[in-house]
Structure formats: C-alpha cells, structure tokens
Amino acid sequence: MEFLLNPDITFLNFGSFGACPKDIFHEYQNIQQEFERNPVNFMIDEGVSRLSESRAKLASYVGVTSDEIVFTTNPTYAINIIAKSIQLEPGDEILTTDLEYGAMDRTWEFYSSQKKVKYIKQHINLPVVSKEQILEDFWKGFSEKTKVVFISQITSATALILPVEEICKEAKRRGLITIVDGAHVPAHIPLDLNELKADVYTGACHKWMMGPKGVAFLCVRKEIQDWVDPLVVSWGYKSDSPSNSQFIDYHQMNGTRDYSAFLTIPFVIDFLNKNNWRQIALGNRKWSVDLLKGFKDEFKFTPISPLDEEFLGQMGVIPIRTHDPVLLKRELFEKYRIEIPVTINNDNLFLRYSVQVFKKPSDYEKLMRVLHELKKKQKIFF
C-alpha cells in the first residue's frame, strides 16, 4: 500500500488529518476531472444522484439509515450546525468534559453565550484508573438544569477512548440529548451508531478512513431532525424538488462547492473492506499500546490511563514538560523531520504519536533517540 507522503518526513500525526493511499487519491482526482468535464450537469444532476449513493454507502458502514446522515466538510462544521440550532432556554446547561477538542469548546462557548446557557466542562481526573472513575467524575457535573451531554468518543489532546456507550445510555435514562464527537472513530475503532444510540453523532472520513481532506458526516436521529436548521441557507430550503427528507434537503447542498471528496466514500469503504481494515486497525492498536509501554519504561513517566485497548486506540500520548511547546514542535519538524503534535490539555502537555499501516519500527526508534537527545539538552522533561 503506497502513500503520497514525503519520505524525508517521519510522519507520526495521522490523528490530525490522515493521509490518502495513492489509490484513494487517484479516485478523488478522477472524480474532480469528471466534474470539470461537465461542471453544470455534474453539480446539479449527476453529482447529486451520486451524493445519494455515497451517503447510503456511508450510512450502512456506520450503522444508520441514509436519511439520518449528511456530509459535512469536517466535524467542527457539523457541531456548529447543532450548536446553533439546538433549542435551549437561558440557564440551561450543556454537560461536557475538560478533555474536549479546542475548536468544539469554542463553538459551544460561542453559541452558549448567545443563548445564555452554561457550558459545563466537568473535570476528569488524570491519570484515569478505570472506566467507572470516568463515569463518576463526569456525572458529578450533572444538575437539574442539564439538558444536553456533549462528549468525544476519542479525545484529541489525550487520545483516550471514553465510555460513550455507557454515558449515552445513562443520559437517555435522565432524559438528556446526547451529542457525540466521533472525529477520530471511523475505521479506527468499531462503530455501530444503531447500537450507540446517540441523538447526534459526527465523525471524520479524512482521518482514519483515509479519505480526501474535507469529508466528514453529521448523523441526527430522525425524531429530532426538525429542529436542526441549515447553517447555510440555500436551495434546499423550500426546495423546488424536495426529497422525502427535509434534513437532507437543508444540509446536502450549500451552494457552489467541490464535493468530489464526498463522492469518494464508496471507493474508500470498498478499499478498507478489500484490505481487511478491521484486522489492520486491531493490529495497529496493539502496536500502539506496546509502543507506549516501551516509552514509559524508557522515560519513566506515569501514563494517563491503564495501558490497554479499553482506553487506547491507534494513538498514544507521552506526558512531557517543556519551556516552549511551539518551539519544541517546530524543532521536531524542522531539525529532526518528525511530524508529531504537541497537544495541550489544561496545564498538561503531551506528544501524541499515531500508528498506521505504513509505519515501521524504525520511525518510533528515531522518535525515542530524538527524545533522549532533547532530554539531554534540557529541552524536554518527563
């Protein structure tokens, strides 16, 4: 399997945007060329039909019906739709964790301020010792004013798998709306939205699914779609040729844009299935956990969770201290040619590595050598 990544760079940051295998990227370019050969017909006729086919394929892959899912360019866009639309009263509360992705926090804080509701970032104690501890910490933030739960299934800065299924189940018991940020989940860990039963779910197809940049999805349970307004009002509002779903009409077409990336999804899913990706992902998870054990033994740090696959997927975080995180990130890339994020959660800093099929043990051995060198120079501490 070949990728287009620069071989001079040790690429350990699949969690941010991923990378396309050549086969997927070539399919993307082929669709763009089809678009250009007949742009008007493609935009308003043929492409729309293919969007429906692509949406149906993705819906089946994640375990929902095709009229419960729409494409968006990224999960942040998807959550903006929800945060702007959700019907709350002044004083209502949205319960989340203090482990969430920064762009999502900013989105909810912006709309919460407008609606005069409270965005409660409940503290989750690190290191995590058990799933039960996460649940206990989380529900301490609940009050009679809580109306919504928003939570990541896999956190960005800390790469933790959270017990979202249990949280959704308990939230339902308490009569709350559940909104899940699953940006890192598709093709990373098993996902069945019919089982999870979140009211709202968003995931990225350009991370672990390895689709082209700018393709994600928003899934909304049919029973609550009526209040989900379009973020961009366009031809789908009062459509001249409405479908059987207002949700699809409102959100599928947002004016002129290149939606070629959306149309690659059937090819992407076939590519994953053909290459037995579920087994590859399981192997990558095991490798990631083993790597973190090795880094822990080498640098004597305390991991932020038990080192097992209940909490860890194909990413791992190494807790660090440094005088200047921005400078460290730049030095890792410019001097050592390692692409790895320095993530921040509250006052904690981490190096977050990713494991993917094209990686070699020598890539992580290089990272270990570089960390030893930076430690010796007192540029990084554990």
Protein backbone atom coordinates (compact mmCIF):
# COMPACT_ATOMS: atom_id res chain seq x y z
CA MET A 1 0.00 0.00 0.00
CA GLU A 2 1.52 3.29 -1.13
CA PHE A 3 1.00 6.79 0.21
CA LEU A 4 1.98 10.19 -1.19
CA LEU A 5 3.75 11.32 1.98
CA ASN A 6 7.19 12.89 1.73
CA PRO A 7 9.65 10.05 2.56
CA ASP A 8 12.02 12.59 4.16
CA ILE A 9 9.48 13.22 6.93
CA THR A 10 8.79 10.78 9.77
CA PHE A 11 5.02 11.18 9.77
CA LEU A 12 3.57 10.33 13.21
CA ASN A 13 0.50 12.56 13.08
CA PHE A 14 -2.19 10.54 11.38
CA GLY A 15 -4.65 11.76 14.00
CA SER A 16 -4.85 15.31 12.65
CA PHE A 17 -5.73 14.87 9.00
CA GLY A 18 -4.57 11.42 7.98
CA ALA A 19 -3.15 10.71 4.54
CA CYS A 20 -4.64 9.19 1.40
CA PRO A 21 -3.31 6.00 -0.10
CA LYS A 22 -2.46 6.59 -3.74
CA ASP A 23 -5.44 4.53 -4.93
CA ILE A 24 -7.90 6.68 -2.98
CA PHE A 25 -6.25 9.94 -4.02
CA HIS A 26 -6.29 8.93 -7.68
CA GLU A 27 -10.02 8.14 -7.41
CA TYR A 28 -10.52 11.61 -5.94
CA GLN A 29 -8.68 13.21 -8.85
CA ASN A 30 -10.68 11.15 -11.34
CA ILE A 31 -13.93 12.43 -9.84
CA GLN A 32 -12.67 16.02 -9.95
CA GLN A 33 -11.84 15.59 -13.62
CA GLU A 34 -15.33 14.23 -14.28
CA PHE A 35 -16.68 17.31 -12.53
CA GLU A 36 -14.62 19.63 -14.71
CA ARG A 37 -15.59 17.94 -17.98
CA ASN A 38 -19.27 18.79 -17.44
CA PRO A 39 -19.49 21.06 -14.39
CA VAL A 40 -23.10 22.26 -14.63
CA ASN A 41 -24.65 18.86 -15.21
CA PHE A 42 -22.40 17.30 -12.59
CA MET A 43 -23.17 19.95 -9.95
CA ILE A 44 -26.95 19.89 -10.25
CA ASP A 45 -27.80 16.47 -11.63
CA GLU A 46 -25.33 13.59 -11.89
CA GLY A 47 -23.35 14.61 -8.81
CA VAL A 48 -26.49 14.91 -6.69
CA SER A 49 -27.52 11.37 -7.61
CA ARG A 50 -24.04 10.13 -6.74
CA LEU A 51 -24.15 12.01 -3.46
CA SER A 52 -27.20 9.96 -2.50
CA GLU A 53 -25.38 6.74 -3.38
CA SER A 54 -22.32 7.83 -1.41
CA ARG A 55 -24.41 8.81 1.59
CA ALA A 56 -26.18 5.44 1.54
CA LYS A 57 -22.86 3.59 1.47
CA LEU A 58 -21.54 5.59 4.42
CA ALA A 59 -24.79 5.17 6.35
CA SER A 60 -24.56 1.40 6.00
CA TYR A 61 -20.90 1.48 7.06
CA VAL A 62 -21.65 3.30 10.34
CA GLY A 63 -24.98 1.61 11.07
CA VAL A 64 -27.74 4.12 10.31
CA THR A 65 -30.26 4.79 7.54
CA SER A 66 -29.32 7.07 4.65
CA ASP A 67 -31.82 9.77 5.62
CA GLU A 68 -30.18 10.15 9.04
CA ILE A 69 -26.80 11.23 7.69
CA VAL A 70 -25.41 14.15 5.66
CA PHE A 71 -21.91 15.03 4.53
CA THR A 72 -20.08 17.99 6.02
CA THR A 73 -16.57 19.22 5.37
CA ASN A 74 -15.43 18.48 8.94
CA PRO A 75 -16.82 17.63 12.39
CA THR A 76 -16.47 21.24 13.56
CA TYR A 77 -18.85 22.34 10.81
CA ALA A 78 -21.24 19.58 11.89
CA ILE A 79 -21.24 20.66 15.53
CA ASN A 80 -21.74 24.29 14.51
CA ILE A 81 -24.99 23.19 12.83
CA ILE A 82 -26.13 21.56 16.05
CA ALA A 83 -24.91 24.22 18.48
CA LYS A 84 -26.62 26.98 16.50
CA SER A 85 -29.87 25.03 16.09
CA ILE A 86 -30.37 23.39 19.47
CA GLN A 87 -33.35 24.72 21.38
CA LEU A 88 -32.35 25.68 24.90
CA GLU A 89 -33.60 28.20 27.44
CA PRO A 90 -31.49 30.72 29.38
CA GLY A 91 -29.93 28.98 32.38
CA ASP A 92 -29.96 25.51 30.78
CA GLU A 93 -26.69 23.56 30.96
CA ILE A 94 -24.65 21.55 28.47
CA LEU A 95 -22.51 18.97 30.26
CA THR A 96 -19.15 18.06 28.72
CA THR A 97 -15.65 17.14 29.90
CA ASP A 98 -12.47 19.18 30.20
CA LEU A 99 -10.87 16.82 27.64
CA GLU A 100 -12.67 18.11 24.55
CA TYR A 101 -11.21 19.40 21.28
CA GLY A 102 -10.47 23.14 21.38
CA ALA A 103 -12.50 24.04 18.28
CA MET A 104 -15.53 22.27 19.75
CA ASP A 105 -15.14 24.08 23.06
CA ARG A 106 -15.00 27.40 21.20
CA THR A 107 -18.09 26.50 19.17
CA TRP A 108 -20.16 25.64 22.22
CA GLU A 109 -18.88 28.64 24.19
CA PHE A 110 -19.83 30.98 21.33
CA TYR A 111 -23.39 29.71 20.97
CA SER A 112 -23.85 29.22 24.72
CA SER A 113 -23.04 32.88 25.22
CA GLN A 114 -25.63 33.84 22.60
CA LYS A 115 -28.31 31.59 24.10
CA LYS A 116 -27.35 32.46 27.70
CA VAL A 117 -26.83 28.83 28.63
CA LYS A 118 -23.92 27.29 30.56
CA TYR A 119 -21.27 25.04 29.04
CA ILE A 120 -20.07 22.90 31.95
CA LYS A 121 -16.59 21.44 31.38
CA GLN A 122 -16.57 18.73 34.02
CA HIS A 123 -13.09 17.79 35.25
CA ILE A 124 -11.93 14.24 34.54
CA ASN A 125 -9.12 13.22 36.86
CA LEU A 126 -5.87 12.15 35.22
CA PRO A 127 -4.46 9.62 35.28
CA VAL A 128 -7.62 7.67 34.61
CA VAL A 129 -7.71 4.47 36.64
CA SER A 130 -10.92 2.87 35.38
CA LYS A 131 -13.99 3.38 33.23
CA GLU A 132 -16.04 3.67 36.42
CA GLN A 133 -13.87 6.57 37.58
CA ILE A 134 -14.53 8.47 34.33
CA LEU A 135 -18.26 7.94 34.71
CA GLU A 136 -18.21 9.04 38.34
CA ASP A 137 -16.17 12.15 37.54
CA PHE A 138 -18.40 13.04 34.59
CA TRP A 139 -21.77 12.75 36.27
CA LYS A 140 -20.66 14.98 39.14
CA GLY A 141 -21.28 17.79 36.67
CA PHE A 142 -24.97 16.92 36.26
CA SER A 143 -27.66 19.17 37.72
CA GLU A 144 -31.39 19.66 37.33
CA LYS A 145 -30.53 22.29 34.70
CA THR A 146 -28.57 19.86 32.50
CA LYS A 147 -30.31 19.36 29.16
CA VAL A 148 -27.53 18.17 26.84
CA VAL A 149 -24.49 15.92 27.02
CA PHE A 150 -21.64 16.59 24.58
CA ILE A 151 -18.65 14.25 24.64
CA SER A 152 -15.83 12.89 22.49
CA GLN A 153 -15.63 9.17 21.87
CA ILE A 154 -11.87 9.51 21.37
CA THR A 155 -10.31 12.66 22.77
CA SER A 156 -7.95 14.73 20.64
CA ALA A 157 -5.29 16.06 23.01
CA THR A 158 -5.15 12.99 25.27
CA ALA A 159 -6.09 10.21 22.78
CA LEU A 160 -8.34 8.50 25.34
CA ILE A 161 -11.28 6.29 24.45
CA LEU A 162 -14.13 7.42 26.69
CA PRO A 163 -17.06 5.21 27.80
CA VAL A 164 -19.51 6.91 25.46
CA GLU A 165 -21.92 3.99 25.19
CA GLU A 166 -22.44 4.00 28.96
CA ILE A 167 -22.76 7.80 29.03
CA CYS A 168 -25.36 7.79 26.23
CA LYS A 169 -27.37 5.09 27.99
CA GLU A 170 -27.37 6.96 31.31
CA ALA A 171 -28.11 10.26 29.60
CA LYS A 172 -31.16 8.72 27.96
CA ARG A 173 -32.34 7.50 31.36
CA ARG A 174 -32.05 11.07 32.62
CA GLY A 175 -33.90 12.49 29.60
CA LEU A 176 -30.92 14.30 28.08
CA ILE A 177 -29.98 14.93 24.46
CA THR A 178 -26.70 13.17 23.58
CA ILE A 179 -24.22 14.66 21.11
CA VAL A 180 -21.02 12.74 20.36
CA ASP A 181 -17.86 13.98 18.68
CA GLY A 182 -16.51 10.89 16.97
CA ALA A 183 -13.99 12.68 14.76
CA HIS A 184 -11.30 10.03 15.37
CA VAL A 185 -13.55 6.98 15.37
CA PRO A 186 -14.47 5.74 11.84
CA ALA A 187 -12.03 3.00 10.71
CA HIS A 188 -10.11 3.47 13.99
CA ILE A 189 -12.26 1.54 16.47
CA PRO A 190 -15.52 -0.33 15.78
CA LEU A 191 -18.52 1.96 15.25
CA ASP A 192 -22.19 0.99 15.13
CA LEU A 193 -24.43 4.02 15.58
CA ASN A 194 -27.53 1.85 15.80
CA GLU A 195 -26.02 0.29 18.92
CA LEU A 196 -24.62 3.51 20.36
CA LYS A 197 -27.97 5.34 20.08
CA ALA A 198 -26.58 8.86 20.37
CA ASP A 199 -29.06 11.53 19.27
CA VAL A 200 -26.36 13.32 17.27
CA TYR A 201 -23.02 11.97 16.06
CA THR A 202 -20.28 13.40 13.89
CA GLY A 203 -17.22 11.64 12.50
CA ALA A 204 -14.40 12.39 10.08
CA CYS A 205 -13.69 10.39 6.94
CA HIS A 206 -10.35 12.14 6.30
CA LYS A 207 -8.59 10.79 9.38
CA TRP A 208 -8.51 7.03 9.92
CA MET A 209 -10.74 6.23 6.96
CA MET A 210 -8.03 7.89 4.84
CA GLY A 211 -10.45 9.78 2.61
CA PRO A 212 -9.50 13.09 0.95
CA LYS A 213 -9.33 16.17 3.14
CA GLY A 214 -12.65 17.86 3.78
CA VAL A 215 -15.09 14.99 4.16
CA ALA A 216 -16.97 14.20 7.35
CA PHE A 217 -20.55 13.44 8.35
CA LEU A 218 -23.33 14.51 10.66
CA CYS A 219 -25.83 11.90 11.84
CA VAL A 220 -29.06 13.02 13.53
CA ARG A 221 -31.77 10.70 14.81
CA LYS A 222 -34.95 11.11 12.75
CA GLU A 223 -37.10 12.05 15.72
CA ILE A 224 -35.16 15.27 16.37
CA GLN A 225 -34.24 16.36 12.84
CA ASP A 226 -36.98 19.02 12.69
CA TRP A 227 -35.06 21.45 14.88
CA VAL A 228 -31.74 21.07 13.01
CA ASP A 229 -31.58 24.20 10.86
CA PRO A 230 -29.18 24.67 7.94
CA LEU A 231 -26.00 26.53 8.84
CA VAL A 232 -26.02 27.91 5.29
CA VAL A 233 -29.46 28.59 3.78
CA SER A 234 -29.52 27.66 0.11
CA TRP A 235 -31.67 25.89 -2.50
CA GLY A 236 -32.60 23.10 -0.12
CA TYR A 237 -34.84 25.46 1.89
CA LYS A 238 -38.30 25.41 0.30
CA SER A 239 -36.76 23.18 -2.35
CA ASP A 240 -38.26 23.24 -5.84
CA SER A 241 -37.84 19.46 -5.94
CA PRO A 242 -37.96 18.28 -2.33
CA SER A 243 -36.88 14.81 -1.36
CA ASN A 244 -38.60 12.76 1.32
CA SER A 245 -36.21 14.27 3.92
CA GLN A 246 -36.11 17.92 4.95
CA PHE A 247 -32.88 17.09 6.81
CA ILE A 248 -31.17 16.06 3.56
CA ASP A 249 -32.63 18.99 1.60
CA TYR A 250 -31.48 21.54 4.16
CA HIS A 251 -27.94 20.25 4.62
CA GLN A 252 -26.80 18.49 1.47
CA MET A 253 -26.45 21.43 -0.91
CA ASN A 254 -24.78 24.61 0.37
CA GLY A 255 -24.23 26.49 -2.87
CA THR A 256 -21.33 26.03 -5.27
CA ARG A 257 -18.54 23.88 -3.88
CA ASP A 258 -16.41 20.98 -4.95
CA TYR A 259 -18.00 17.98 -3.26
CA SER A 260 -15.78 15.46 -5.07
CA ALA A 261 -14.32 14.31 -1.74
CA PHE A 262 -17.81 13.22 -0.63
CA LEU A 263 -18.16 11.05 -3.74
CA THR A 264 -15.01 9.06 -2.97
CA ILE A 265 -16.59 7.42 0.07
CA PRO A 266 -17.91 4.28 -1.68
CA PHE A 267 -14.42 3.71 -3.09
CA VAL A 268 -12.87 4.41 0.34
CA ILE A 269 -15.14 1.90 2.08
CA ASP A 270 -14.52 -0.74 -0.60
CA PHE A 271 -10.79 -0.10 -0.22
CA LEU A 272 -11.00 -0.62 3.55
CA ASN A 273 -13.04 -3.80 3.18
CA LYS A 274 -10.79 -5.20 0.44
CA ASN A 275 -7.75 -4.68 2.64
CA ASN A 276 -9.39 -6.21 5.75
CA TRP A 277 -9.02 -2.92 7.57
CA ARG A 278 -10.71 -4.02 10.76
CA GLN A 279 -7.89 -6.51 11.38
CA ILE A 280 -5.25 -3.95 10.41
CA ALA A 281 -6.73 -1.46 12.87
CA LEU A 282 -6.73 -4.07 15.64
CA GLY A 283 -3.06 -4.80 14.95
CA ASN A 284 -2.25 -1.09 14.98
CA ARG A 285 -3.98 -0.68 18.35
CA LYS A 286 -1.94 -3.47 19.87
CA TRP A 287 1.24 -1.98 18.43
CA SER A 288 0.33 1.47 19.77
CA VAL A 289 -0.19 0.11 23.28
CA ASP A 290 3.10 -1.80 23.14
CA LEU A 291 4.89 1.34 21.97
CA LEU A 292 3.52 3.35 24.87
CA LYS A 293 4.70 0.68 27.29
CA GLY A 294 8.16 0.96 25.75
CA PHE A 295 8.23 4.77 26.01
CA LYS A 296 7.03 4.53 29.63
CA ASP A 297 9.79 2.10 30.53
CA GLU A 298 12.41 4.22 28.76
CA PHE A 299 11.47 7.62 30.20
CA LYS A 300 9.83 6.61 33.50
CA PHE A 301 6.67 8.71 33.16
CA THR A 302 3.23 8.00 34.57
CA PRO A 303 0.77 7.21 31.76
CA ILE A 304 -2.60 8.96 31.85
CA SER A 305 -4.59 5.71 31.68
CA PRO A 306 -4.13 1.95 32.02
CA LEU A 307 -2.09 0.69 29.10
CA ASP A 308 -4.71 -1.43 27.41
CA GLU A 309 -7.13 -1.28 24.49
CA GLU A 310 -10.09 -0.26 26.65
CA PHE A 311 -8.63 3.24 26.74
CA LEU A 312 -6.17 3.35 23.83
CA GLY A 313 -6.54 3.12 20.08
CA GLN A 314 -4.03 3.84 17.33
CA MET A 315 -2.72 6.92 19.13
CA GLY A 316 -0.76 7.30 22.33
CA VAL A 317 0.34 10.29 24.37
CA ILE A 318 3.67 10.79 26.12
CA PRO A 319 3.38 13.30 29.00
CA ILE A 320 6.12 15.92 28.77
CA ARG A 321 7.22 19.27 30.10
CA THR A 322 8.98 21.90 28.01
CA HIS A 323 9.72 25.62 28.20
CA ASP A 324 8.09 26.41 24.85
CA PRO A 325 5.67 23.91 23.24
CA VAL A 326 5.53 25.85 19.95
CA LEU A 327 9.31 25.93 19.69
CA LEU A 328 9.50 22.20 20.52
CA LYS A 329 7.01 21.34 17.77
CA ARG A 330 8.95 23.45 15.28
CA GLU A 331 12.27 21.89 16.25
CA LEU A 332 10.91 18.36 15.98
CA PHE A 333 9.74 19.11 12.46
CA GLU A 334 12.41 21.43 11.10
CA LYS A 335 15.52 19.90 12.66
CA TYR A 336 14.55 16.25 13.07
CA ARG A 337 11.90 15.99 10.34
CA ILE A 338 9.36 14.38 12.65
CA GLU A 339 5.72 15.37 12.20
CA ILE A 340 4.16 14.87 15.64
CA PRO A 341 1.77 17.18 17.51
CA VAL A 342 2.47 18.71 20.90
CA THR A 343 -1.01 18.69 22.42
CA ILE A 344 -2.27 20.67 25.40
CA ASN A 345 -4.99 19.75 27.86
CA ASN A 346 -5.47 22.18 30.73
CA ASP A 347 -1.92 22.51 32.14
CA ASN A 348 -0.73 19.21 30.72
CA LEU A 349 1.47 18.76 27.64
CA PHE A 350 1.76 15.62 25.54
CA LEU A 351 3.46 14.29 22.46
CA ARG A 352 0.75 12.41 20.56
CA TYR A 353 2.01 9.78 18.15
CA SER A 354 -0.10 7.79 15.68
CA VAL A 355 0.31 4.25 14.38
CA GLN A 356 -0.71 3.40 10.85
CA VAL A 357 -0.11 0.59 8.39
CA PHE A 358 2.78 2.28 6.57
CA LYS A 359 4.80 2.93 9.73
CA LYS A 360 7.97 1.00 10.58
CA PRO A 361 9.54 0.27 13.98
CA SER A 362 12.47 2.46 12.95
CA ASP A 363 10.14 5.51 12.92
CA TYR A 364 9.45 5.13 16.63
CA GLU A 365 13.06 4.24 17.36
CA LYS A 366 14.00 7.54 15.77
CA LEU A 367 11.49 9.35 17.97
CA MET A 368 12.99 7.70 21.05
CA ARG A 369 16.53 8.73 20.05
CA VAL A 370 15.42 12.31 19.46
CA LEU A 371 13.62 12.47 22.80
CA HIS A 372 16.77 11.27 24.55
CA GLU A 373 18.75 13.99 22.78
CA LEU A 374 16.24 16.70 23.69
CA LYS A 375 16.16 15.47 27.27
CA LYS A 376 19.94 15.66 27.47
CA LYS A 377 19.80 19.25 26.17
CA GLN A 378 17.11 20.01 28.77
CA LYS A 379 14.62 20.99 26.10
CA ILE A 380 12.17 18.35 27.20
CA PHE A 381 11.41 16.76 30.58
CA PHE A 382 9.39 13.74 31.69
